[in-house]
Amino acid sequence: MNIQDLLETVTPEIYENLKRSIELGKWPNGQKLTKEQKENSLQLVIAYEQEHFPEQERTGYVPPKAACGSKKTESKPEEPAPLKWS
């Protein structure tokens, strides 16, 4: 079975379960993912997102920054908020 055949069987529910399992490092039944399972699941999640999500909603998306020296005015960085000790 190739990746395209596998992608055709993935439903949104399966995608969410895979993503959650990768985040937690274990399957919904509590069994720990092996290194190979984690790698394969991550590859499948990324491939699924490539097919079904716009670029800015995909795992690992980094928005582009303005080029150095662009004429666009840069906003000043916000002042850090003071710490509040409770």
N, C-alpha and C. Protein backbone atom coordinates (compact mmCIF):
# COMPACT_ATOMS: atom_id res chain seq x y z
N MET A 1 0.85 -1.17 0.00
CA MET A 1 0.00 0.00 0.00
C MET A 1 0.90 1.24 0.00
N ASN A 2 0.66 2.14 -0.94
CA ASN A 2 1.46 3.36 -0.98
C ASN A 2 0.77 4.46 -0.17
N ILE A 3 1.45 5.59 -0.02
CA ILE A 3 0.94 6.68 0.81
C ILE A 3 -0.39 7.21 0.28
N GLN A 4 -0.56 7.29 -1.03
CA GLN A 4 -1.80 7.82 -1.60
C GLN A 4 -2.98 6.90 -1.27
N ASP A 5 -2.78 5.59 -1.37
CA ASP A 5 -3.83 4.64 -1.00
C ASP A 5 -4.19 4.79 0.48
N LEU A 6 -3.18 4.96 1.30
CA LEU A 6 -3.40 5.12 2.74
C LEU A 6 -4.14 6.42 3.03
N LEU A 7 -3.76 7.49 2.36
CA LEU A 7 -4.42 8.79 2.55
C LEU A 7 -5.91 8.74 2.23
N GLU A 8 -6.28 7.94 1.25
CA GLU A 8 -7.68 7.83 0.86
C GLU A 8 -8.53 7.17 1.94
N THR A 9 -7.90 6.44 2.85
CA THR A 9 -8.64 5.77 3.92
C THR A 9 -8.73 6.62 5.20
N VAL A 10 -7.96 7.71 5.25
CA VAL A 10 -7.92 8.54 6.46
C VAL A 10 -9.13 9.48 6.49
N THR A 11 -9.90 9.38 7.55
CA THR A 11 -11.04 10.27 7.77
C THR A 11 -10.58 11.41 8.69
N PRO A 12 -11.36 12.48 8.79
CA PRO A 12 -11.01 13.54 9.74
C PRO A 12 -10.86 13.02 11.18
N GLU A 13 -11.67 12.05 11.56
CA GLU A 13 -11.57 11.48 12.91
C GLU A 13 -10.24 10.74 13.09
N ILE A 14 -9.85 9.97 12.10
CA ILE A 14 -8.57 9.25 12.18
C ILE A 14 -7.42 10.25 12.24
N TYR A 15 -7.50 11.29 11.42
CA TYR A 15 -6.47 12.34 11.42
C TYR A 15 -6.33 12.95 12.82
N GLU A 16 -7.46 13.31 13.44
CA GLU A 16 -7.42 13.91 14.78
C GLU A 16 -6.85 12.93 15.81
N ASN A 17 -7.21 11.66 15.71
CA ASN A 17 -6.68 10.65 16.63
C ASN A 17 -5.18 10.48 16.46
N LEU A 18 -4.71 10.47 15.21
CA LEU A 18 -3.27 10.35 14.96
C LEU A 18 -2.53 11.56 15.52
N LYS A 19 -3.06 12.73 15.25
CA LYS A 19 -2.42 13.96 15.72
C LYS A 19 -2.34 13.97 17.25
N ARG A 20 -3.43 13.59 17.90
CA ARG A 20 -3.46 13.56 19.37
C ARG A 20 -2.48 12.51 19.91
N SER A 21 -2.41 11.37 19.25
CA SER A 21 -1.49 10.31 19.69
C SER A 21 -0.04 10.76 19.59
N ILE A 22 0.28 11.49 18.53
CA ILE A 22 1.64 12.02 18.37
C ILE A 22 1.94 13.01 19.49
N GLU A 23 0.99 13.89 19.78
CA GLU A 23 1.18 14.88 20.83
C GLU A 23 1.42 14.24 22.19
N LEU A 24 0.64 13.20 22.50
CA LEU A 24 0.74 12.55 23.81
C LEU A 24 1.79 11.45 23.87
N GLY A 25 2.17 10.93 22.70
CA GLY A 25 3.14 9.83 22.68
C GLY A 25 2.53 8.48 23.01
N LYS A 26 1.19 8.41 22.94
CA LYS A 26 0.52 7.13 23.21
C LYS A 26 -0.78 7.06 22.42
N TRP A 27 -1.22 5.83 22.18
CA TRP A 27 -2.47 5.59 21.48
C TRP A 27 -3.64 5.87 22.40
N PRO A 28 -4.86 6.01 21.86
CA PRO A 28 -6.03 6.24 22.72
C PRO A 28 -6.23 5.17 23.80
N ASN A 29 -5.73 3.95 23.56
CA ASN A 29 -5.86 2.88 24.57
C ASN A 29 -4.77 2.96 25.64
N GLY A 30 -3.88 3.95 25.54
CA GLY A 30 -2.83 4.14 26.54
C GLY A 30 -1.50 3.51 26.19
N GLN A 31 -1.46 2.70 25.14
CA GLN A 31 -0.21 2.05 24.75
C GLN A 31 0.74 3.08 24.14
N LYS A 32 2.01 3.04 24.55
CA LYS A 32 3.01 3.99 24.09
C LYS A 32 3.34 3.75 22.61
N LEU A 33 3.49 4.84 21.85
CA LEU A 33 3.90 4.74 20.45
C LEU A 33 5.38 4.39 20.39
N THR A 34 5.73 3.51 19.47
CA THR A 34 7.15 3.24 19.24
C THR A 34 7.70 4.39 18.40
N LYS A 35 9.01 4.46 18.31
CA LYS A 35 9.64 5.51 17.50
C LYS A 35 9.17 5.40 16.05
N GLU A 36 9.10 4.20 15.53
CA GLU A 36 8.66 3.98 14.15
C GLU A 36 7.20 4.39 13.96
N GLN A 37 6.35 4.05 14.92
CA GLN A 37 4.93 4.43 14.83
C GLN A 37 4.78 5.95 14.85
N LYS A 38 5.57 6.61 15.69
CA LYS A 38 5.50 8.06 15.78
C LYS A 38 5.94 8.69 14.45
N GLU A 39 7.04 8.20 13.89
CA GLU A 39 7.54 8.73 12.62
C GLU A 39 6.53 8.52 11.50
N ASN A 40 5.98 7.32 11.40
CA ASN A 40 5.00 7.02 10.35
C ASN A 40 3.71 7.83 10.52
N SER A 41 3.27 7.97 11.75
CA SER A 41 2.05 8.74 12.03
C SER A 41 2.26 10.21 11.67
N LEU A 42 3.41 10.74 12.00
CA LEU A 42 3.71 12.14 11.69
C LEU A 42 3.76 12.35 10.18
N GLN A 43 4.36 11.42 9.45
CA GLN A 43 4.40 11.52 7.99
C GLN A 43 2.99 11.50 7.41
N LEU A 44 2.14 10.67 7.95
CA LEU A 44 0.76 10.57 7.47
C LEU A 44 -0.03 11.84 7.79
N VAL A 45 0.16 12.40 8.98
CA VAL A 45 -0.51 13.64 9.36
C VAL A 45 -0.08 14.77 8.43
N ILE A 46 1.20 14.89 8.16
CA ILE A 46 1.70 15.94 7.27
C ILE A 46 1.16 15.76 5.85
N ALA A 47 1.15 14.54 5.36
CA ALA A 47 0.62 14.27 4.02
C ALA A 47 -0.88 14.58 3.96
N TYR A 48 -1.62 14.23 5.01
CA TYR A 48 -3.06 14.51 5.06
C TYR A 48 -3.30 16.03 5.04
N GLU A 49 -2.53 16.76 5.83
CA GLU A 49 -2.68 18.22 5.85
C GLU A 49 -2.35 18.83 4.50
N GLN A 50 -1.36 18.28 3.82
CA GLN A 50 -0.98 18.77 2.49
C GLN A 50 -2.17 18.67 1.53
N GLU A 51 -2.96 17.61 1.67
CA GLU A 51 -4.10 17.38 0.79
C GLU A 51 -5.35 18.17 1.19
N HIS A 52 -5.52 18.43 2.50
CA HIS A 52 -6.80 18.93 2.99
C HIS A 52 -6.80 20.31 3.66
N PHE A 53 -5.64 20.89 3.91
CA PHE A 53 -5.58 22.15 4.63
C PHE A 53 -4.84 23.21 3.83
N PRO A 54 -5.24 24.48 3.99
CA PRO A 54 -4.46 25.55 3.37
C PRO A 54 -3.09 25.64 4.06
N GLU A 55 -2.13 26.19 3.37
CA GLU A 55 -0.75 26.22 3.86
C GLU A 55 -0.62 26.77 5.28
N GLN A 56 -1.31 27.86 5.58
CA GLN A 56 -1.16 28.50 6.89
C GLN A 56 -1.75 27.69 8.04
N GLU A 57 -2.49 26.61 7.76
CA GLU A 57 -3.07 25.78 8.81
C GLU A 57 -2.34 24.46 8.99
N ARG A 58 -1.27 24.25 8.26
CA ARG A 58 -0.54 22.98 8.32
C ARG A 58 0.47 22.97 9.46
N THR A 59 0.78 21.76 9.92
CA THR A 59 1.79 21.57 10.94
C THR A 59 3.12 22.13 10.46
N GLY A 60 3.76 22.92 11.31
CA GLY A 60 5.08 23.46 10.99
C GLY A 60 5.08 24.72 10.16
N TYR A 61 3.90 25.28 9.86
CA TYR A 61 3.85 26.48 9.04
C TYR A 61 4.47 27.66 9.79
N VAL A 62 5.35 28.37 9.09
CA VAL A 62 5.96 29.58 9.63
C VAL A 62 5.62 30.72 8.67
N PRO A 63 4.91 31.75 9.15
CA PRO A 63 4.53 32.83 8.25
C PRO A 63 5.77 33.58 7.76
N PRO A 64 5.73 34.07 6.51
CA PRO A 64 6.89 34.79 5.98
C PRO A 64 7.05 36.13 6.68
N LYS A 65 8.29 36.55 6.81
CA LYS A 65 8.59 37.86 7.41
C LYS A 65 8.86 38.85 6.29
N ALA A 66 8.70 40.12 6.60
CA ALA A 66 9.01 41.17 5.63
C ALA A 66 10.51 41.13 5.34
N ALA A 67 10.86 41.39 4.11
CA ALA A 67 12.26 41.37 3.72
C ALA A 67 13.00 42.53 4.38
N CYS A 68 14.28 42.35 4.62
CA CYS A 68 15.10 43.42 5.20
C CYS A 68 15.12 44.61 4.25
N GLY A 69 14.99 45.78 4.80
CA GLY A 69 15.05 46.98 3.99
C GLY A 69 13.79 47.27 3.22
N SER A 70 12.71 46.56 3.53
CA SER A 70 11.47 46.81 2.81
C SER A 70 10.93 48.17 3.22
N LYS A 71 10.14 48.78 2.37
CA LYS A 71 9.61 50.11 2.62
C LYS A 71 8.43 50.08 3.58
N LYS A 72 7.99 48.90 3.91
CA LYS A 72 6.88 48.76 4.84
C LYS A 72 7.33 49.23 6.22
N THR A 73 6.55 50.09 6.85
CA THR A 73 6.93 50.59 8.17
C THR A 73 6.79 49.48 9.19
N GLU A 74 7.81 49.37 9.99
CA GLU A 74 7.78 48.34 11.01
C GLU A 74 7.20 48.92 12.28
N SER A 75 6.35 48.17 12.92
CA SER A 75 5.77 48.63 14.18
C SER A 75 6.78 48.44 15.29
N LYS A 76 6.67 49.27 16.29
CA LYS A 76 7.57 49.17 17.43
C LYS A 76 7.17 47.95 18.25
N PRO A 77 8.15 47.28 18.82
CA PRO A 77 7.79 46.13 19.66
C PRO A 77 7.02 46.61 20.88
N GLU A 78 6.08 45.80 21.30
CA GLU A 78 5.29 46.15 22.46
C GLU A 78 6.16 46.10 23.71
N GLU A 79 5.82 46.97 24.64
CA GLU A 79 6.53 46.96 25.92
C GLU A 79 6.14 45.69 26.67
N PRO A 80 7.09 45.07 27.34
CA PRO A 80 6.72 43.88 28.09
C PRO A 80 5.77 44.24 29.23
N ALA A 81 4.83 43.37 29.46
CA ALA A 81 3.86 43.59 30.53
C ALA A 81 4.55 43.35 31.87
N PRO A 82 4.26 44.17 32.86
CA PRO A 82 4.89 43.96 34.18
C PRO A 82 4.41 42.65 34.79
N LEU A 83 5.28 42.04 35.55
CA LEU A 83 4.93 40.80 36.24
C LEU A 83 4.00 41.11 37.40
N LYS A 84 3.04 40.26 37.59
CA LYS A 84 2.12 40.41 38.73
C LYS A 84 2.30 39.21 39.63
N TRP A 85 2.76 39.46 40.82
CA TRP A 85 2.97 38.38 41.78
C TRP A 85 1.72 38.23 42.62
N SER A 86 1.20 37.03 42.66
CA SER A 86 -0.01 36.79 43.46
C SER A 86 0.34 36.21 44.80
